[in-house]
Structure formats: C-alpha cells, structure tokens
Amino acid sequence: MAALAQDERVDSPEAVGMEVGVAAGPRPGTVQVVVTGEIDFDNATVLREVLLAALVSHRTTLLIDLGRVTFCDCAGLNTLLTVRHAALQAGRGLHITAAGRRVERLLTLTDTRTLLM
C-alpha cells in the first residue's frame, strides 16, 4: 500500500479562498485530507479533483477534516457526495472527521450528515 512521503498542499488560482492538505492518515489504510477556508462554486471542482486523486492513488479510506471550513455551499456538498459515491463504487470509505458549525448546519439541513460521518 502506498504511503504519502510528505504533505501535499493545493493552493492554486482556481482554489481561491481554499487550501487543501493531503497526508498519510493517523491509522494504517487511511489518508487525511484537511480543508481550510471556503468551499464554493468557484473552487469545488479543485476539491473534487484532489479528493478523487487521493482516493485513486492511495486506494484507501479518506478521512476529511472540514473543521476549518468557514463556508460551504451546495457545490461543496455535491463534491462531497460525488466523492463518497466514487469511494463506495471502489469499495473504499470516506468519512468527515471534523466539521465546523456551518458545515454541520449544511449537513443537518440537507439530511446528509449520516452519509458522510
């Protein structure tokens, strides 16, 4: 199983307002993805590409930390649900390990919390 040798960060012009870090997870067979800032229509595609790349290249469970996300709109939620579907299709897991107040509210209002936690 491949392990990440170093922390990878995404901070591109397309990802304005958002930073994504990918590193080996705390448990064997996991990859930790930490998202900081805002997830919206303008950068949700970048997040989706990073999450899918981590899922494919590491063939493991994704642990997503959204504790430092200050805003997440429906494009961000769609990204999370799309990647969850891809993970299930590949026989892998996806779990949100931390979520800020605004993300928690979005998940609760859309009744998607149990799918992603």
N, C-alpha and C. Protein backbone atom coordinates (compact mmCIF):
# COMPACT_ATOMS: atom_id res chain seq x y z
N MET A 1 0.84 -1.17 0.00
CA MET A 1 0.00 0.00 0.00
C MET A 1 0.89 1.24 0.00
N ALA A 2 0.55 2.18 -0.83
CA ALA A 2 1.36 3.39 -0.94
C ALA A 2 1.11 4.31 0.24
N ALA A 3 2.14 4.94 0.69
CA ALA A 3 2.03 5.92 1.77
C ALA A 3 2.54 7.25 1.26
N LEU A 4 2.03 8.30 1.80
CA LEU A 4 2.48 9.63 1.41
C LEU A 4 3.77 9.96 2.14
N ALA A 5 4.74 10.39 1.39
CA ALA A 5 6.03 10.72 2.00
C ALA A 5 6.03 12.12 2.59
N GLN A 6 5.21 12.98 2.04
CA GLN A 6 5.18 14.35 2.56
C GLN A 6 3.80 14.93 2.40
N ASP A 7 3.57 16.02 3.05
CA ASP A 7 2.31 16.73 2.98
C ASP A 7 2.19 17.40 1.63
N GLU A 8 1.08 17.19 0.94
CA GLU A 8 0.82 17.85 -0.34
C GLU A 8 -0.21 18.94 -0.10
N ARG A 9 0.04 20.13 -0.61
CA ARG A 9 -0.90 21.24 -0.44
C ARG A 9 -1.35 21.74 -1.80
N VAL A 10 -2.62 22.08 -1.88
CA VAL A 10 -3.17 22.67 -3.09
C VAL A 10 -3.55 24.09 -2.75
N ASP A 11 -2.93 25.03 -3.42
CA ASP A 11 -3.24 26.44 -3.25
C ASP A 11 -3.03 27.10 -4.60
N SER A 12 -3.97 26.89 -5.51
CA SER A 12 -3.84 27.37 -6.87
C SER A 12 -4.81 28.52 -7.12
N PRO A 13 -4.65 29.23 -8.25
CA PRO A 13 -5.59 30.31 -8.55
C PRO A 13 -7.03 29.83 -8.62
N GLU A 14 -7.24 28.56 -9.06
CA GLU A 14 -8.59 28.02 -9.13
C GLU A 14 -9.18 27.78 -7.75
N ALA A 15 -8.31 27.63 -6.76
CA ALA A 15 -8.76 27.29 -5.40
C ALA A 15 -8.74 28.51 -4.49
N VAL A 16 -9.02 29.67 -5.04
CA VAL A 16 -9.01 30.90 -4.25
C VAL A 16 -9.94 30.74 -3.05
N GLY A 17 -9.43 31.09 -1.89
CA GLY A 17 -10.24 31.01 -0.67
C GLY A 17 -10.22 29.65 0.00
N MET A 18 -9.50 28.70 -0.57
CA MET A 18 -9.48 27.35 -0.03
C MET A 18 -8.06 26.80 -0.10
N GLU A 19 -7.70 26.04 0.93
CA GLU A 19 -6.43 25.32 0.94
C GLU A 19 -6.73 23.88 1.31
N VAL A 20 -6.07 22.96 0.62
CA VAL A 20 -6.29 21.53 0.86
C VAL A 20 -4.94 20.87 1.12
N GLY A 21 -4.85 20.15 2.21
CA GLY A 21 -3.65 19.40 2.53
C GLY A 21 -3.96 17.91 2.55
N VAL A 22 -3.08 17.12 1.94
CA VAL A 22 -3.26 15.66 1.90
C VAL A 22 -2.02 15.03 2.52
N ALA A 23 -2.23 14.14 3.47
CA ALA A 23 -1.11 13.47 4.15
C ALA A 23 -1.56 12.08 4.59
N ALA A 24 -0.59 11.27 4.96
CA ALA A 24 -0.90 9.94 5.49
C ALA A 24 -1.83 10.10 6.69
N GLY A 25 -2.79 9.21 6.81
CA GLY A 25 -3.75 9.28 7.90
C GLY A 25 -3.19 8.79 9.22
N PRO A 26 -3.94 8.98 10.29
CA PRO A 26 -3.49 8.58 11.61
C PRO A 26 -3.47 7.07 11.82
N ARG A 27 -4.24 6.35 10.99
CA ARG A 27 -4.28 4.89 11.08
C ARG A 27 -3.83 4.29 9.76
N PRO A 28 -3.25 3.10 9.79
CA PRO A 28 -2.88 2.44 8.53
C PRO A 28 -4.11 2.31 7.63
N GLY A 29 -3.91 2.50 6.34
CA GLY A 29 -5.02 2.37 5.40
C GLY A 29 -5.89 3.60 5.30
N THR A 30 -5.39 4.74 5.77
CA THR A 30 -6.16 5.98 5.68
C THR A 30 -5.30 7.11 5.12
N VAL A 31 -5.98 8.06 4.51
CA VAL A 31 -5.36 9.31 4.04
C VAL A 31 -6.16 10.44 4.66
N GLN A 32 -5.45 11.39 5.26
CA GLN A 32 -6.09 12.55 5.90
C GLN A 32 -6.09 13.72 4.92
N VAL A 33 -7.25 14.30 4.70
CA VAL A 33 -7.40 15.48 3.86
C VAL A 33 -7.94 16.59 4.74
N VAL A 34 -7.18 17.69 4.84
CA VAL A 34 -7.59 18.82 5.66
C VAL A 34 -7.92 19.99 4.74
N VAL A 35 -9.13 20.51 4.87
CA VAL A 35 -9.59 21.62 4.04
C VAL A 35 -9.74 22.84 4.93
N THR A 36 -9.23 23.97 4.45
CA THR A 36 -9.30 25.23 5.18
C THR A 36 -9.89 26.30 4.27
N GLY A 37 -10.73 27.16 4.83
CA GLY A 37 -11.26 28.28 4.06
C GLY A 37 -12.68 28.03 3.59
N GLU A 38 -12.99 28.50 2.39
CA GLU A 38 -14.33 28.42 1.84
C GLU A 38 -14.40 27.42 0.70
N ILE A 39 -15.46 26.62 0.69
CA ILE A 39 -15.73 25.72 -0.42
C ILE A 39 -16.96 26.25 -1.11
N ASP A 40 -16.80 26.65 -2.36
CA ASP A 40 -17.93 27.20 -3.10
C ASP A 40 -17.86 26.82 -4.56
N PHE A 41 -18.76 27.37 -5.35
CA PHE A 41 -18.86 27.06 -6.77
C PHE A 41 -17.54 27.28 -7.49
N ASP A 42 -16.80 28.30 -7.08
CA ASP A 42 -15.56 28.66 -7.76
C ASP A 42 -14.42 27.67 -7.54
N ASN A 43 -14.44 26.93 -6.44
CA ASN A 43 -13.30 26.03 -6.16
C ASN A 43 -13.70 24.59 -5.85
N ALA A 44 -14.98 24.27 -5.91
CA ALA A 44 -15.42 22.90 -5.59
C ALA A 44 -14.84 21.88 -6.56
N THR A 45 -14.62 22.26 -7.81
CA THR A 45 -14.04 21.35 -8.79
C THR A 45 -12.61 20.97 -8.40
N VAL A 46 -11.86 21.94 -7.90
CA VAL A 46 -10.50 21.66 -7.46
C VAL A 46 -10.52 20.67 -6.30
N LEU A 47 -11.42 20.88 -5.35
CA LEU A 47 -11.53 19.96 -4.22
C LEU A 47 -11.90 18.56 -4.70
N ARG A 48 -12.85 18.48 -5.62
CA ARG A 48 -13.25 17.17 -6.14
C ARG A 48 -12.06 16.45 -6.79
N GLU A 49 -11.28 17.17 -7.58
CA GLU A 49 -10.11 16.57 -8.24
C GLU A 49 -9.09 16.07 -7.22
N VAL A 50 -8.85 16.84 -6.18
CA VAL A 50 -7.89 16.43 -5.14
C VAL A 50 -8.40 15.19 -4.40
N LEU A 51 -9.66 15.19 -4.02
CA LEU A 51 -10.22 14.05 -3.29
C LEU A 51 -10.23 12.79 -4.15
N LEU A 52 -10.63 12.92 -5.40
CA LEU A 52 -10.64 11.74 -6.28
C LEU A 52 -9.23 11.23 -6.55
N ALA A 53 -8.28 12.13 -6.71
CA ALA A 53 -6.89 11.72 -6.91
C ALA A 53 -6.37 10.96 -5.69
N ALA A 54 -6.69 11.46 -4.50
CA ALA A 54 -6.26 10.78 -3.27
C ALA A 54 -6.92 9.41 -3.17
N LEU A 55 -8.16 9.33 -3.54
CA LEU A 55 -8.90 8.07 -3.49
C LEU A 55 -8.29 7.05 -4.45
N VAL A 56 -7.99 7.47 -5.65
CA VAL A 56 -7.47 6.56 -6.68
C VAL A 56 -6.02 6.19 -6.41
N SER A 57 -5.20 7.16 -6.11
CA SER A 57 -3.77 6.89 -5.99
C SER A 57 -3.38 6.18 -4.71
N HIS A 58 -4.17 6.31 -3.67
CA HIS A 58 -3.80 5.69 -2.40
C HIS A 58 -4.66 4.50 -2.03
N ARG A 59 -5.72 4.26 -2.78
CA ARG A 59 -6.56 3.08 -2.58
C ARG A 59 -6.84 2.80 -1.11
N THR A 60 -7.40 3.80 -0.48
CA THR A 60 -7.58 3.72 0.96
C THR A 60 -8.80 4.52 1.39
N THR A 61 -9.07 4.56 2.67
CA THR A 61 -10.16 5.34 3.23
C THR A 61 -9.74 6.80 3.35
N LEU A 62 -10.63 7.70 2.90
CA LEU A 62 -10.37 9.13 3.04
C LEU A 62 -10.98 9.65 4.33
N LEU A 63 -10.18 10.32 5.12
CA LEU A 63 -10.64 10.98 6.33
C LEU A 63 -10.56 12.48 6.04
N ILE A 64 -11.71 13.14 6.01
CA ILE A 64 -11.76 14.54 5.60
C ILE A 64 -12.05 15.42 6.81
N ASP A 65 -11.14 16.34 7.07
CA ASP A 65 -11.27 17.29 8.18
C ASP A 65 -11.76 18.62 7.62
N LEU A 66 -13.01 18.97 7.93
CA LEU A 66 -13.61 20.23 7.49
C LEU A 66 -13.78 21.18 8.67
N GLY A 67 -13.04 20.95 9.72
CA GLY A 67 -13.16 21.77 10.93
C GLY A 67 -12.77 23.21 10.74
N ARG A 68 -11.94 23.50 9.72
CA ARG A 68 -11.50 24.87 9.47
C ARG A 68 -12.18 25.48 8.24
N VAL A 69 -13.25 24.86 7.79
CA VAL A 69 -14.01 25.40 6.66
C VAL A 69 -14.99 26.44 7.19
N THR A 70 -14.90 27.64 6.63
CA THR A 70 -15.74 28.75 7.10
C THR A 70 -17.02 28.92 6.30
N PHE A 71 -17.09 28.28 5.14
CA PHE A 71 -18.28 28.37 4.28
C PHE A 71 -18.28 27.17 3.35
N CYS A 72 -19.47 26.61 3.13
CA CYS A 72 -19.62 25.51 2.17
C CYS A 72 -21.00 25.63 1.55
N ASP A 73 -21.05 25.76 0.23
CA ASP A 73 -22.34 25.87 -0.44
C ASP A 73 -22.73 24.53 -1.06
N CYS A 74 -23.79 24.53 -1.86
CA CYS A 74 -24.29 23.29 -2.44
C CYS A 74 -23.28 22.66 -3.40
N ALA A 75 -22.43 23.44 -4.03
CA ALA A 75 -21.39 22.88 -4.89
C ALA A 75 -20.40 22.06 -4.06
N GLY A 76 -20.07 22.54 -2.89
CA GLY A 76 -19.19 21.80 -1.99
C GLY A 76 -19.84 20.52 -1.52
N LEU A 77 -21.11 20.60 -1.16
CA LEU A 77 -21.84 19.40 -0.72
C LEU A 77 -21.92 18.39 -1.86
N ASN A 78 -22.19 18.85 -3.06
CA ASN A 78 -22.24 17.97 -4.22
C ASN A 78 -20.90 17.28 -4.43
N THR A 79 -19.81 18.00 -4.24
CA THR A 79 -18.47 17.43 -4.36
C THR A 79 -18.29 16.30 -3.36
N LEU A 80 -18.65 16.53 -2.11
CA LEU A 80 -18.51 15.51 -1.08
C LEU A 80 -19.34 14.27 -1.40
N LEU A 81 -20.56 14.47 -1.87
CA LEU A 81 -21.43 13.35 -2.19
C LEU A 81 -20.93 12.59 -3.43
N THR A 82 -20.39 13.31 -4.40
CA THR A 82 -19.83 12.68 -5.60
C THR A 82 -18.63 11.81 -5.24
N VAL A 83 -17.75 12.34 -4.41
CA VAL A 83 -16.56 11.58 -4.00
C VAL A 83 -16.97 10.40 -3.12
N ARG A 84 -17.98 10.57 -2.28
CA ARG A 84 -18.48 9.45 -1.47
C ARG A 84 -18.97 8.33 -2.38
N HIS A 85 -19.71 8.69 -3.41
CA HIS A 85 -20.22 7.69 -4.35
C HIS A 85 -19.06 6.96 -5.04
N ALA A 86 -18.05 7.71 -5.45
CA ALA A 86 -16.88 7.09 -6.09
C ALA A 86 -16.17 6.15 -5.12
N ALA A 87 -16.07 6.56 -3.86
CA ALA A 87 -15.43 5.71 -2.85
C ALA A 87 -16.21 4.42 -2.66
N LEU A 88 -17.51 4.51 -2.57
CA LEU A 88 -18.34 3.31 -2.40
C LEU A 88 -18.21 2.39 -3.61
N GLN A 89 -18.19 2.96 -4.81
CA GLN A 89 -18.04 2.17 -6.03
C GLN A 89 -16.71 1.43 -6.04
N ALA A 90 -15.68 2.04 -5.44
CA ALA A 90 -14.34 1.45 -5.41
C ALA A 90 -14.13 0.56 -4.19
N GLY A 91 -15.15 0.43 -3.35
CA GLY A 91 -15.02 -0.39 -2.15
C GLY A 91 -14.20 0.25 -1.06
N ARG A 92 -14.18 1.58 -1.04
CA ARG A 92 -13.41 2.33 -0.04
C ARG A 92 -14.35 3.19 0.78
N GLY A 93 -13.79 3.76 1.85
CA GLY A 93 -14.59 4.60 2.72
C GLY A 93 -14.26 6.07 2.59
N LEU A 94 -15.17 6.90 3.02
CA LEU A 94 -14.99 8.34 3.11
C LEU A 94 -15.72 8.79 4.36
N HIS A 95 -15.00 9.49 5.24
CA HIS A 95 -15.61 9.95 6.48
C HIS A 95 -15.16 11.38 6.77
N ILE A 96 -16.11 12.22 7.12
CA ILE A 96 -15.77 13.55 7.61
C ILE A 96 -15.46 13.38 9.10
N THR A 97 -14.24 13.71 9.48
CA THR A 97 -13.81 13.51 10.86
C THR A 97 -14.02 14.73 11.73
N ALA A 98 -14.13 15.90 11.10
CA ALA A 98 -14.39 17.14 11.83
C ALA A 98 -15.12 18.09 10.90
N ALA A 99 -16.03 18.87 11.46
CA ALA A 99 -16.78 19.83 10.66
C ALA A 99 -17.09 21.05 11.52
N GLY A 100 -16.88 22.21 10.94
CA GLY A 100 -17.21 23.45 11.62
C GLY A 100 -18.72 23.63 11.71
N ARG A 101 -19.12 24.63 12.43
CA ARG A 101 -20.54 24.90 12.68
C ARG A 101 -21.34 25.05 11.37
N ARG A 102 -20.78 25.76 10.41
CA ARG A 102 -21.51 26.00 9.16
C ARG A 102 -21.63 24.73 8.32
N VAL A 103 -20.61 23.92 8.31
CA VAL A 103 -20.67 22.65 7.58
C VAL A 103 -21.65 21.71 8.27
N GLU A 104 -21.59 21.65 9.59
CA GLU A 104 -22.55 20.82 10.35
C GLU A 104 -23.98 21.23 10.03
N ARG A 105 -24.23 22.52 9.99
CA ARG A 105 -25.58 23.02 9.69
C ARG A 105 -26.02 22.60 8.29
N LEU A 106 -25.13 22.72 7.31
CA LEU A 106 -25.46 22.32 5.94
C LEU A 106 -25.79 20.83 5.88
N LEU A 107 -24.98 20.01 6.54
CA LEU A 107 -25.21 18.57 6.54
C LEU A 107 -26.52 18.21 7.24
N THR A 108 -26.83 18.92 8.30
CA THR A 108 -28.07 18.66 9.03
C THR A 108 -29.29 19.09 8.21
N LEU A 109 -29.23 20.30 7.63
CA LEU A 109 -30.36 20.80 6.84
C LEU A 109 -30.64 19.95 5.61
N THR A 110 -29.62 19.37 5.04
CA THR A 110 -29.79 18.56 3.83
C THR A 110 -29.93 17.07 4.15
N ASP A 111 -29.92 16.73 5.41
CA ASP A 111 -30.06 15.35 5.88
C ASP A 111 -29.03 14.43 5.25
N THR A 112 -27.79 14.93 5.14
CA THR A 112 -26.71 14.15 4.55
C THR A 112 -25.61 13.82 5.57
N ARG A 113 -25.80 14.26 6.79
CA ARG A 113 -24.78 14.06 7.83
C ARG A 113 -24.44 12.58 8.02
N THR A 114 -25.46 11.73 8.09
CA THR A 114 -25.21 10.31 8.34
C THR A 114 -24.50 9.63 7.16
N LEU A 115 -24.63 10.19 5.97
CA LEU A 115 -23.94 9.62 4.81
C LEU A 115 -22.45 9.88 4.84
N LEU A 116 -22.05 10.99 5.47
CA LEU A 116 -20.66 11.43 5.38
C LEU A 116 -19.88 11.31 6.67
N MET A 117 -20.51 11.07 7.78
CA MET A 117 -19.80 10.99 9.04
C MET A 117 -19.44 9.56 9.38
